Amino acid sequence: MKPSLLTSMTSGTAKSMPANASDGVVEIGLLLPSSRAAELLKLARDRHESVGQVLRRLIEVELARSA
């Protein structure tokens, strides 16, 4: 079994990162309603990008806005 990204969650707030996060890359599992997953796939296709690229861009935009 792979270590989970977040070892503890309280009200959606991350408390710690796994020990293997020091390599600069972590894997995040994501559960979406099937309708949202279909919309995400369509968005990625329309942009000629992977779903990962779309999600990384969305995350970067939101993190920049909150900084």
C-alpha atoms as a PDB file:
ATOM      1  CA  MET A   1       0.000   0.000   0.000  1.00  0.00           C
ATOM      2  CA  LYS A   2       1.336   3.445  -0.938  1.00  0.00           C
ATOM      3  CA  PRO A   3       1.639   6.044   1.828  1.00  0.00           C
ATOM      4  CA  SER A   4      -1.206   8.523   1.732  1.00  0.00           C
ATOM      5  CA  LEU A   5      -0.467  12.116   0.795  1.00  0.00           C
ATOM      6  CA  LEU A   6      -1.922  13.490   3.971  1.00  0.00           C
ATOM      7  CA  THR A   7      -1.372  11.582   7.145  1.00  0.00           C
ATOM      8  CA  SER A   8      -4.037  13.497   9.001  1.00  0.00           C
ATOM      9  CA  MET A   9      -6.971  15.635   7.946  1.00  0.00           C
ATOM     10  CA  THR A  10      -9.134  17.828  10.132  1.00  0.00           C
ATOM     11  CA  SER A  11     -11.924  19.822   8.499  1.00  0.00           C
ATOM     12  CA  GLY A  12     -10.126  19.528   5.173  1.00  0.00           C
ATOM     13  CA  THR A  13      -6.881  21.044   6.485  1.00  0.00           C
ATOM     14  CA  ALA A  14      -3.630  19.165   5.881  1.00  0.00           C
ATOM     15  CA  LYS A  15      -1.604  18.582   9.016  1.00  0.00           C
ATOM     16  CA  SER A  16       1.462  16.797   7.648  1.00  0.00           C
ATOM     17  CA  MET A  17       3.097  15.540   4.467  1.00  0.00           C
ATOM     18  CA  PRO A  18       4.469  12.028   3.989  1.00  0.00           C
ATOM     19  CA  ALA A  19       8.174  11.395   4.523  1.00  0.00           C
ATOM     20  CA  ASN A  20       8.658  10.671   0.794  1.00  0.00           C
ATOM     21  CA  ALA A  21       7.482  14.201  -0.159  1.00  0.00           C
ATOM     22  CA  SER A  22      11.082  15.391   0.105  1.00  0.00           C
ATOM     23  CA  ASP A  23      11.761  14.330  -3.495  1.00  0.00           C
ATOM     24  CA  GLY A  24       9.700  17.307  -4.692  1.00  0.00           C
ATOM     25  CA  VAL A  25       6.769  15.344  -6.089  1.00  0.00           C
ATOM     26  CA  VAL A  26       3.765  13.821  -4.332  1.00  0.00           C
ATOM     27  CA  GLU A  27       0.848  11.845  -5.677  1.00  0.00           C
ATOM     28  CA  ILE A  28      -2.618  13.102  -4.763  1.00  0.00           C
ATOM     29  CA  GLY A  29      -5.703  10.945  -5.046  1.00  0.00           C
ATOM     30  CA  LEU A  30      -8.787  12.852  -6.184  1.00  0.00           C
ATOM     31  CA  LEU A  31     -12.431  11.822  -5.946  1.00  0.00           C
ATOM     32  CA  LEU A  32     -14.787  13.733  -8.226  1.00  0.00           C
ATOM     33  CA  PRO A  33     -18.416  13.312  -9.176  1.00  0.00           C
ATOM     34  CA  SER A  34     -18.498  11.603 -12.570  1.00  0.00           C
ATOM     35  CA  SER A  35     -20.038  14.684 -14.192  1.00  0.00           C
ATOM     36  CA  ARG A  36     -17.108  16.843 -13.004  1.00  0.00           C
ATOM     37  CA  ALA A  37     -14.602  14.228 -14.187  1.00  0.00           C
ATOM     38  CA  ALA A  38     -16.234  14.265 -17.632  1.00  0.00           C
ATOM     39  CA  GLU A  39     -16.066  18.089 -17.703  1.00  0.00           C
ATOM     40  CA  LEU A  40     -12.405  17.971 -16.676  1.00  0.00           C
ATOM     41  CA  LEU A  41     -11.596  15.468 -19.433  1.00  0.00           C
ATOM     42  CA  LYS A  42     -13.386  17.638 -21.997  1.00  0.00           C
ATOM     43  CA  LEU A  43     -11.532  20.737 -20.815  1.00  0.00           C
ATOM     44  CA  ALA A  44      -8.208  18.922 -21.120  1.00  0.00           C
ATOM     45  CA  ARG A  45      -9.055  17.691 -24.625  1.00  0.00           C
ATOM     46  CA  ASP A  46     -10.220  21.148 -25.716  1.00  0.00           C
ATOM     47  CA  ARG A  47      -6.922  22.646 -24.484  1.00  0.00           C
ATOM     48  CA  HIS A  48      -4.825  19.797 -25.941  1.00  0.00           C
ATOM     49  CA  GLU A  49      -3.409  19.174 -22.480  1.00  0.00           C
ATOM     50  CA  SER A  50      -3.393  16.314 -20.035  1.00  0.00           C
ATOM     51  CA  VAL A  51      -5.732  16.338 -17.053  1.00  0.00           C
ATOM     52  CA  GLY A  52      -2.628  16.703 -14.878  1.00  0.00           C
ATOM     53  CA  GLN A  53      -1.562  19.840 -16.738  1.00  0.00           C
ATOM     54  CA  VAL A  54      -5.013  21.378 -16.328  1.00  0.00           C
ATOM     55  CA  LEU A  55      -5.098  20.569 -12.606  1.00  0.00           C
ATOM     56  CA  ARG A  56      -1.563  21.863 -12.008  1.00  0.00           C
ATOM     57  CA  ARG A  57      -2.467  25.155 -13.721  1.00  0.00           C
ATOM     58  CA  LEU A  58      -5.671  25.520 -11.683  1.00  0.00           C
ATOM     59  CA  ILE A  59      -3.763  24.826  -8.475  1.00  0.00           C
ATOM     60  CA  GLU A  60      -1.041  27.345  -9.370  1.00  0.00           C
ATOM     61  CA  VAL A  61      -3.637  30.041 -10.139  1.00  0.00           C
ATOM     62  CA  GLU A  62      -5.463  29.491  -6.846  1.00  0.00           C
ATOM     63  CA  LEU A  63      -2.249  29.382  -4.807  1.00  0.00           C
ATOM     64  CA  ALA A  64      -1.049  32.603  -6.446  1.00  0.00           C
ATOM     65  CA  ARG A  65      -4.391  34.274  -5.663  1.00  0.00           C
ATOM     66  CA  SER A  66      -4.191  33.309  -2.007  1.00  0.00           C
ATOM     67  CA  ALA A  67      -0.589  34.449  -1.571  1.00  0.00           C
END
